[in-house]
Amino acid sequence: MKGPNKPAEPHKQTGHALKAVSLVSAVGINLAAFTLGGYFLGAWLDDKWNSSGLGVALGVIVGVLCGITGVIFIIKAVMEESDG
């Protein structure tokens, strides 16, 4: 018999904690990977075009924007999964 004040089972609490940790890790890794990718792509373009850092700046900006888009998709997927 499960009452309203009875705590959830321990394995369910562990599952929720692991899900939260994996979500935070996925968000951080996604944002960092896209930002670093943009930086290295921009540095490569600067080297190829003999530019003075414009490629790095644009690469980082595009990388951050792509990372934010990826984070939005991750959060949407998790929210849809938890709804149904």
PDB file of N, CA and C in Angstrom:
ATOM      1  N   MET A   1       0.846  -1.170   0.000  1.00  0.00           N
ATOM      2  CA  MET A   1       0.000   0.000   0.000  1.00  0.00           C
ATOM      3  C   MET A   1       0.895   1.238   0.000  1.00  0.00           C
ATOM      4  N   LYS A   2       0.626   2.091  -0.919  1.00  0.00           N
ATOM      5  CA  LYS A   2       1.463   3.270  -1.077  1.00  0.00           C
ATOM      6  C   LYS A   2       0.666   4.505  -0.657  1.00  0.00           C
ATOM      7  N   GLY A   3       1.093   5.163   0.375  1.00  0.00           N
ATOM      8  CA  GLY A   3       0.422   6.354   0.860  1.00  0.00           C
ATOM      9  C   GLY A   3       0.978   7.601   0.198  1.00  0.00           C
ATOM     10  N   PRO A   4       0.310   8.731   0.369  1.00  0.00           N
ATOM     11  CA  PRO A   4       0.772   9.967  -0.264  1.00  0.00           C
ATOM     12  C   PRO A   4       2.094  10.476   0.299  1.00  0.00           C
ATOM     13  N   ASN A   5       2.421  10.103   1.539  1.00  0.00           N
ATOM     14  CA  ASN A   5       3.660  10.580   2.148  1.00  0.00           C
ATOM     15  C   ASN A   5       4.799   9.577   2.057  1.00  0.00           C
ATOM     16  N   LYS A   6       4.553   8.447   1.415  1.00  0.00           N
ATOM     17  CA  LYS A   6       5.580   7.417   1.310  1.00  0.00           C
ATOM     18  C   LYS A   6       6.602   7.837   0.240  1.00  0.00           C
ATOM     19  N   PRO A   7       7.894   7.793   0.559  1.00  0.00           N
ATOM     20  CA  PRO A   7       8.902   8.206  -0.432  1.00  0.00           C
ATOM     21  C   PRO A   7       8.963   7.223  -1.602  1.00  0.00           C
ATOM     22  N   ALA A   8       9.440   7.734  -2.714  1.00  0.00           N
ATOM     23  CA  ALA A   8       9.589   6.897  -3.898  1.00  0.00           C
ATOM     24  C   ALA A   8      10.637   5.823  -3.635  1.00  0.00           C
ATOM     25  N   GLU A   9      10.569   4.771  -4.416  1.00  0.00           N
ATOM     26  CA  GLU A   9      11.527   3.684  -4.266  1.00  0.00           C
ATOM     27  C   GLU A   9      12.930   4.191  -4.595  1.00  0.00           C
ATOM     28  N   PRO A  10      13.950   3.668  -3.911  1.00  0.00           N
ATOM     29  CA  PRO A  10      15.318   4.166  -4.119  1.00  0.00           C
ATOM     30  C   PRO A  10      15.807   4.037  -5.553  1.00  0.00           C
ATOM     31  N   HIS A  11      15.473   2.961  -6.247  1.00  0.00           N
ATOM     32  CA  HIS A  11      15.980   2.810  -7.609  1.00  0.00           C
ATOM     33  C   HIS A  11      15.343   3.821  -8.558  1.00  0.00           C
ATOM     34  N   LYS A  12      14.138   4.283  -8.279  1.00  0.00           N
ATOM     35  CA  LYS A  12      13.525   5.327  -9.103  1.00  0.00           C
ATOM     36  C   LYS A  12      14.206   6.659  -8.870  1.00  0.00           C
ATOM     37  N   GLN A  13      14.584   6.937  -7.624  1.00  0.00           N
ATOM     38  CA  GLN A  13      15.295   8.175  -7.327  1.00  0.00           C
ATOM     39  C   GLN A  13      16.657   8.178  -7.999  1.00  0.00           C
ATOM     40  N   THR A  14      17.334   7.048  -8.003  1.00  0.00           N
ATOM     41  CA  THR A  14      18.635   6.943  -8.665  1.00  0.00           C
ATOM     42  C   THR A  14      18.479   7.162 -10.162  1.00  0.00           C
ATOM     43  N   GLY A  15      17.433   6.614 -10.740  1.00  0.00           N
ATOM     44  CA  GLY A  15      17.187   6.798 -12.170  1.00  0.00           C
ATOM     45  C   GLY A  15      16.968   8.253 -12.527  1.00  0.00           C
ATOM     46  N   HIS A  16      16.247   8.983 -11.686  1.00  0.00           N
ATOM     47  CA  HIS A  16      16.017  10.405 -11.942  1.00  0.00           C
ATOM     48  C   HIS A  16      17.323  11.197 -11.818  1.00  0.00           C
ATOM     49  N   ALA A  17      18.130  10.843 -10.842  1.00  0.00           N
ATOM     50  CA  ALA A  17      19.404  11.538 -10.654  1.00  0.00           C
ATOM     51  C   ALA A  17      20.337  11.286 -11.837  1.00  0.00           C
ATOM     52  N   LEU A  18      20.398  10.038 -12.303  1.00  0.00           N
ATOM     53  CA  LEU A  18      21.255   9.724 -13.450  1.00  0.00           C
ATOM     54  C   LEU A  18      20.763  10.412 -14.715  1.00  0.00           C
ATOM     55  N   LYS A  19      19.460  10.506 -14.861  1.00  0.00           N
ATOM     56  CA  LYS A  19      18.903  11.192 -16.026  1.00  0.00           C
ATOM     57  C   LYS A  19      19.272  12.679 -15.996  1.00  0.00           C
ATOM     58  N   ALA A  20      19.207  13.294 -14.823  1.00  0.00           N
ATOM     59  CA  ALA A  20      19.573  14.702 -14.691  1.00  0.00           C
ATOM     60  C   ALA A  20      21.054  14.917 -14.975  1.00  0.00           C
ATOM     61  N   VAL A  21      21.892  14.023 -14.452  1.00  0.00           N
ATOM     62  CA  VAL A  21      23.338  14.137 -14.685  1.00  0.00           C
ATOM     63  C   VAL A  21      23.648  13.967 -16.167  1.00  0.00           C
ATOM     64  N   SER A  22      22.990  13.014 -16.817  1.00  0.00           N
ATOM     65  CA  SER A  22      23.255  12.802 -18.246  1.00  0.00           C
ATOM     66  C   SER A  22      22.774  13.982 -19.081  1.00  0.00           C
ATOM     67  N   LEU A  23      21.672  14.612 -18.688  1.00  0.00           N
ATOM     68  CA  LEU A  23      21.181  15.779 -19.421  1.00  0.00           C
ATOM     69  C   LEU A  23      22.157  16.942 -19.301  1.00  0.00           C
ATOM     70  N   VAL A  24      22.621  17.211 -18.095  1.00  0.00           N
ATOM     71  CA  VAL A  24      23.578  18.301 -17.889  1.00  0.00           C
ATOM     72  C   VAL A  24      24.870  18.027 -18.641  1.00  0.00           C
ATOM     73  N   SER A  25      25.333  16.782 -18.625  1.00  0.00           N
ATOM     74  CA  SER A  25      26.559  16.422 -19.339  1.00  0.00           C
ATOM     75  C   SER A  25      26.380  16.592 -20.839  1.00  0.00           C
ATOM     76  N   ALA A  26      25.257  16.143 -21.364  1.00  0.00           N
ATOM     77  CA  ALA A  26      25.009  16.253 -22.802  1.00  0.00           C
ATOM     78  C   ALA A  26      24.950  17.711 -23.238  1.00  0.00           C
ATOM     79  N   VAL A  27      24.312  18.549 -22.431  1.00  0.00           N
ATOM     80  CA  VAL A  27      24.222  19.973 -22.764  1.00  0.00           C
ATOM     81  C   VAL A  27      25.615  20.604 -22.765  1.00  0.00           C
ATOM     82  N   GLY A  28      26.407  20.331 -21.736  1.00  0.00           N
ATOM     83  CA  GLY A  28      27.746  20.910 -21.651  1.00  0.00           C
ATOM     84  C   GLY A  28      28.670  20.434 -22.753  1.00  0.00           C
ATOM     85  N   ILE A  29      28.647  19.144 -23.027  1.00  0.00           N
ATOM     86  CA  ILE A  29      29.503  18.584 -24.076  1.00  0.00           C
ATOM     87  C   ILE A  29      29.096  19.129 -25.437  1.00  0.00           C
ATOM     88  N   ASN A  30      27.796  19.213 -25.689  1.00  0.00           N
ATOM     89  CA  ASN A  30      27.303  19.727 -26.964  1.00  0.00           C
ATOM     90  C   ASN A  30      27.773  21.161 -27.182  1.00  0.00           C
ATOM     91  N   LEU A  31      27.559  22.012 -26.204  1.00  0.00           N
ATOM     92  CA  LEU A  31      27.944  23.416 -26.339  1.00  0.00           C
ATOM     93  C   LEU A  31      29.458  23.568 -26.486  1.00  0.00           C
ATOM     94  N   ALA A  32      30.217  22.831 -25.701  1.00  0.00           N
ATOM     95  CA  ALA A  32      31.678  22.923 -25.780  1.00  0.00           C
ATOM     96  C   ALA A  32      32.199  22.396 -27.112  1.00  0.00           C
ATOM     97  N   ALA A  33      31.644  21.294 -27.594  1.00  0.00           N
ATOM     98  CA  ALA A  33      32.124  20.705 -28.848  1.00  0.00           C
ATOM     99  C   ALA A  33      31.865  21.634 -30.028  1.00  0.00           C
ATOM    100  N   PHE A  34      30.678  22.211 -30.093  1.00  0.00           N
ATOM    101  CA  PHE A  34      30.387  23.122 -31.199  1.00  0.00           C
ATOM    102  C   PHE A  34      31.235  24.385 -31.129  1.00  0.00           C
ATOM    103  N   THR A  35      31.443  24.909 -29.930  1.00  0.00           N
ATOM    104  CA  THR A  35      32.258  26.113 -29.785  1.00  0.00           C
ATOM    105  C   THR A  35      33.711  25.837 -30.170  1.00  0.00           C
ATOM    106  N   LEU A  36      34.270  24.729 -29.698  1.00  0.00           N
ATOM    107  CA  LEU A  36      35.645  24.381 -30.074  1.00  0.00           C
ATOM    108  C   LEU A  36      35.759  24.086 -31.564  1.00  0.00           C
ATOM    109  N   GLY A  37      34.767  23.405 -32.103  1.00  0.00           N
ATOM    110  CA  GLY A  37      34.763  23.142 -33.543  1.00  0.00           C
ATOM    111  C   GLY A  37      34.749  24.428 -34.348  1.00  0.00           C
ATOM    112  N   GLY A  38      33.946  25.385 -33.917  1.00  0.00           N
ATOM    113  CA  GLY A  38      33.909  26.688 -34.590  1.00  0.00           C
ATOM    114  C   GLY A  38      35.235  27.416 -34.478  1.00  0.00           C
ATOM    115  N   TYR A  39      35.860  27.326 -33.312  1.00  0.00           N
ATOM    116  CA  TYR A  39      37.162  27.967 -33.122  1.00  0.00           C
ATOM    117  C   TYR A  39      38.207  27.374 -34.067  1.00  0.00           C
ATOM    118  N   PHE A  40      38.298  26.040 -34.092  1.00  0.00           N
ATOM    119  CA  PHE A  40      39.318  25.401 -34.928  1.00  0.00           C
ATOM    120  C   PHE A  40      39.040  25.599 -36.416  1.00  0.00           C
ATOM    121  N   LEU A  41      37.777  25.581 -36.804  1.00  0.00           N
ATOM    122  CA  LEU A  41      37.442  25.861 -38.203  1.00  0.00           C
ATOM    123  C   LEU A  41      37.805  27.304 -38.560  1.00  0.00           C
ATOM    124  N   GLY A  42      37.491  28.226 -37.670  1.00  0.00           N
ATOM    125  CA  GLY A  42      37.843  29.629 -37.904  1.00  0.00           C
ATOM    126  C   GLY A  42      39.345  29.845 -37.951  1.00  0.00           C
ATOM    127  N   ALA A  43      40.095  29.163 -37.082  1.00  0.00           N
ATOM    128  CA  ALA A  43      41.560  29.284 -37.098  1.00  0.00           C
ATOM    129  C   ALA A  43      42.128  28.727 -38.392  1.00  0.00           C
ATOM    130  N   TRP A  44      41.548  27.622 -38.867  1.00  0.00           N
ATOM    131  CA  TRP A  44      42.004  27.044 -40.135  1.00  0.00           C
ATOM    132  C   TRP A  44      41.715  27.997 -41.292  1.00  0.00           C
ATOM    133  N   LEU A  45      40.540  28.617 -41.282  1.00  0.00           N
ATOM    134  CA  LEU A  45      40.206  29.579 -42.335  1.00  0.00           C
ATOM    135  C   LEU A  45      41.096  30.812 -42.264  1.00  0.00           C
ATOM    136  N   ASP A  46      41.398  31.284 -41.051  1.00  0.00           N
ATOM    137  CA  ASP A  46      42.318  32.410 -40.909  1.00  0.00           C
ATOM    138  C   ASP A  46      43.689  32.081 -41.481  1.00  0.00           C
ATOM    139  N   ASP A  47      44.163  30.876 -41.222  1.00  0.00           N
ATOM    140  CA  ASP A  47      45.457  30.452 -41.739  1.00  0.00           C
ATOM    141  C   ASP A  47      45.431  30.356 -43.260  1.00  0.00           C
ATOM    142  N   LYS A  48      44.339  29.839 -43.795  1.00  0.00           N
ATOM    143  CA  LYS A  48      44.226  29.663 -45.245  1.00  0.00           C
ATOM    144  C   LYS A  48      44.097  31.001 -45.964  1.00  0.00           C
ATOM    145  N   TRP A  49      43.353  31.943 -45.369  1.00  0.00           N
ATOM    146  CA  TRP A  49      43.097  33.231 -46.012  1.00  0.00           C
ATOM    147  C   TRP A  49      44.008  34.342 -45.509  1.00  0.00           C
ATOM    148  N   ASN A  50      44.970  34.028 -44.651  1.00  0.00           N
ATOM    149  CA  ASN A  50      45.877  35.022 -44.060  1.00  0.00           C
ATOM    150  C   ASN A  50      45.099  36.179 -43.430  1.00  0.00           C
ATOM    151  N   SER A  51      44.067  35.836 -42.698  1.00  0.00           N
ATOM    152  CA  SER A  51      43.210  36.824 -42.055  1.00  0.00           C
ATOM    153  C   SER A  51      43.746  37.137 -40.666  1.00  0.00           C
ATOM    154  N   SER A  52      43.211  38.164 -40.048  1.00  0.00           N
ATOM    155  CA  SER A  52      43.724  38.594 -38.740  1.00  0.00           C
ATOM    156  C   SER A  52      42.769  38.263 -37.592  1.00  0.00           C
ATOM    157  N   GLY A  53      42.123  37.118 -37.637  1.00  0.00           N
ATOM    158  CA  GLY A  53      41.276  36.711 -36.525  1.00  0.00           C
ATOM    159  C   GLY A  53      39.785  36.789 -36.797  1.00  0.00           C
ATOM    160  N   LEU A  54      39.400  37.274 -37.941  1.00  0.00           N
ATOM    161  CA  LEU A  54      37.982  37.365 -38.268  1.00  0.00           C
ATOM    162  C   LEU A  54      37.359  35.975 -38.379  1.00  0.00           C
ATOM    163  N   GLY A  55      38.094  35.033 -38.934  1.00  0.00           N
ATOM    164  CA  GLY A  55      37.593  33.668 -39.062  1.00  0.00           C
ATOM    165  C   GLY A  55      37.356  33.017 -37.714  1.00  0.00           C
ATOM    166  N   VAL A  56      38.264  33.249 -36.772  1.00  0.00           N
ATOM    167  CA  VAL A  56      38.095  32.683 -35.428  1.00  0.00           C
ATOM    168  C   VAL A  56      36.858  33.284 -34.766  1.00  0.00           C
ATOM    169  N   ALA A  57      36.705  34.589 -34.881  1.00  0.00           N
ATOM    170  CA  ALA A  57      35.548  35.248 -34.256  1.00  0.00           C
ATOM    171  C   ALA A  57      34.240  34.723 -34.851  1.00  0.00           C
ATOM    172  N   LEU A  58      34.173  34.652 -36.162  1.00  0.00           N
ATOM    173  CA  LEU A  58      32.962  34.147 -36.807  1.00  0.00           C
ATOM    174  C   LEU A  58      32.747  32.668 -36.495  1.00  0.00           C
ATOM    175  N   GLY A  59      33.824  31.906 -36.468  1.00  0.00           N
ATOM    176  CA  GLY A  59      33.716  30.486 -36.162  1.00  0.00           C
ATOM    177  C   GLY A  59      33.181  30.238 -34.759  1.00  0.00           C
ATOM    178  N   VAL A  60      33.657  31.008 -33.801  1.00  0.00           N
ATOM    179  CA  VAL A  60      33.184  30.849 -32.424  1.00  0.00           C
ATOM    180  C   VAL A  60      31.714  31.263 -32.320  1.00  0.00           C
ATOM    181  N   ILE A  61      31.346  32.358 -32.971  1.00  0.00           N
ATOM    182  CA  ILE A  61      29.949  32.801 -32.933  1.00  0.00           C
ATOM    183  C   ILE A  61      29.034  31.755 -33.555  1.00  0.00           C
ATOM    184  N   VAL A  62      29.408  31.240 -34.712  1.00  0.00           N
ATOM    185  CA  VAL A  62      28.593  30.209 -35.364  1.00  0.00           C
ATOM    186  C   VAL A  62      28.567  28.944 -34.507  1.00  0.00           C
ATOM    187  N   GLY A  63      29.693  28.586 -33.918  1.00  0.00           N
ATOM    188  CA  GLY A  63      29.746  27.409 -33.055  1.00  0.00           C
ATOM    189  C   GLY A  63      28.841  27.536 -31.841  1.00  0.00           C
ATOM    190  N   VAL A  64      28.840  28.695 -31.216  1.00  0.00           N
ATOM    191  CA  VAL A  64      27.975  28.912 -30.050  1.00  0.00           C
ATOM    192  C   VAL A  64      26.503  28.859 -30.469  1.00  0.00           C
ATOM    193  N   LEU A  65      26.169  29.470 -31.589  1.00  0.00           N
ATOM    194  CA  LEU A  65      24.780  29.434 -32.064  1.00  0.00           C
ATOM    195  C   LEU A  65      24.343  28.006 -32.393  1.00  0.00           C
ATOM    196  N   CYS A  66      25.214  27.245 -33.030  1.00  0.00           N
ATOM    197  CA  CYS A  66      24.891  25.837 -33.315  1.00  0.00           C
ATOM    198  C   CYS A  66      24.782  25.035 -32.020  1.00  0.00           C
ATOM    199  N   GLY A  67      25.642  25.324 -31.054  1.00  0.00           N
ATOM    200  CA  GLY A  67      25.577  24.648 -29.767  1.00  0.00           C
ATOM    201  C   GLY A  67      24.276  24.943 -29.037  1.00  0.00           C
ATOM    202  N   ILE A  68      23.835  26.188 -29.071  1.00  0.00           N
ATOM    203  CA  ILE A  68      22.575  26.558 -28.430  1.00  0.00           C
ATOM    204  C   ILE A  68      21.409  25.857 -29.118  1.00  0.00           C
ATOM    205  N   THR A  69      21.456  25.777 -30.450  1.00  0.00           N
ATOM    206  CA  THR A  69      20.416  25.065 -31.192  1.00  0.00           C
ATOM    207  C   THR A  69      20.397  23.593 -30.797  1.00  0.00           C
ATOM    208  N   GLY A  70      21.562  22.993 -30.672  1.00  0.00           N
ATOM    209  CA  GLY A  70      21.647  21.597 -30.251  1.00  0.00           C
ATOM    210  C   GLY A  70      21.103  21.390 -28.850  1.00  0.00           C
ATOM    211  N   VAL A  71      21.385  22.324 -27.955  1.00  0.00           N
ATOM    212  CA  VAL A  71      20.876  22.244 -26.589  1.00  0.00           C
ATOM    213  C   VAL A  71      19.347  22.317 -26.585  1.00  0.00           C
ATOM    214  N   ILE A  72      18.801  23.185 -27.416  1.00  0.00           N
ATOM    215  CA  ILE A  72      17.341  23.301 -27.505  1.00  0.00           C
ATOM    216  C   ILE A  72      16.737  21.979 -27.964  1.00  0.00           C
ATOM    217  N   PHE A  73      17.348  21.338 -28.956  1.00  0.00           N
ATOM    218  CA  PHE A  73      16.845  20.049 -29.433  1.00  0.00           C
ATOM    219  C   PHE A  73      16.948  18.968 -28.351  1.00  0.00           C
ATOM    220  N   ILE A  74      18.029  18.972 -27.594  1.00  0.00           N
ATOM    221  CA  ILE A  74      18.192  17.995 -26.513  1.00  0.00           C
ATOM    222  C   ILE A  74      17.101  18.192 -25.460  1.00  0.00           C
ATOM    223  N   ILE A  75      16.891  19.435 -25.063  1.00  0.00           N
ATOM    224  CA  ILE A  75      15.888  19.717 -24.034  1.00  0.00           C
ATOM    225  C   ILE A  75      14.485  19.368 -24.534  1.00  0.00           C
ATOM    226  N   LYS A  76      14.195  19.673 -25.806  1.00  0.00           N
ATOM    227  CA  LYS A  76      12.888  19.315 -26.365  1.00  0.00           C
ATOM    228  C   LYS A  76      12.681  17.805 -26.343  1.00  0.00           C
ATOM    229  N   ALA A  77      13.700  17.057 -26.708  1.00  0.00           N
ATOM    230  CA  ALA A  77      13.588  15.612 -26.720  1.00  0.00           C
ATOM    231  C   ALA A  77      13.341  15.060 -25.326  1.00  0.00           C
ATOM    232  N   VAL A  78      14.039  15.596 -24.351  1.00  0.00           N
ATOM    233  CA  VAL A  78      13.857  15.132 -22.967  1.00  0.00           C
ATOM    234  C   VAL A  78      12.466  15.503 -22.458  1.00  0.00           C
ATOM    235  N   MET A  79      12.009  16.692 -22.788  1.00  0.00           N
ATOM    236  CA  MET A  79      10.675  17.117 -22.343  1.00  0.00           C
ATOM    237  C   MET A  79       9.574  16.269 -22.978  1.00  0.00           C
ATOM    238  N   GLU A  80       9.724  15.946 -24.266  1.00  0.00           N
ATOM    239  CA  GLU A  80       8.731  15.093 -24.926  1.00  0.00           C
ATOM    240  C   GLU A  80       8.742  13.689 -24.329  1.00  0.00           C
ATOM    241  N   GLU A  81       9.926  13.191 -23.993  1.00  0.00           N
ATOM    242  CA  GLU A  81      10.059  11.853 -23.399  1.00  0.00           C
ATOM    243  C   GLU A  81       9.396  11.810 -22.031  1.00  0.00           C
ATOM    244  N   SER A  82       9.522  12.875 -21.261  1.00  0.00           N
ATOM    245  CA  SER A  82       8.941  12.874 -19.923  1.00  0.00           C
ATOM    246  C   SER A  82       7.421  13.089 -19.949  1.00  0.00           C
ATOM    247  N   ASP A  83       6.895  13.656 -21.038  1.00  0.00           N
ATOM    248  CA  ASP A  83       5.445  13.865 -21.141  1.00  0.00           C
ATOM    249  C   ASP A  83       4.703  12.582 -21.432  1.00  0.00           C
ATOM    250  N   GLY A  84       5.304  11.713 -22.197  1.00  0.00           N
ATOM    251  CA  GLY A  84       4.537  10.525 -22.572  1.00  0.00           C
ATOM    252  C   GLY A  84       5.363   9.363 -22.698  1.00  0.00           C
TER     253      GLY A  84
END
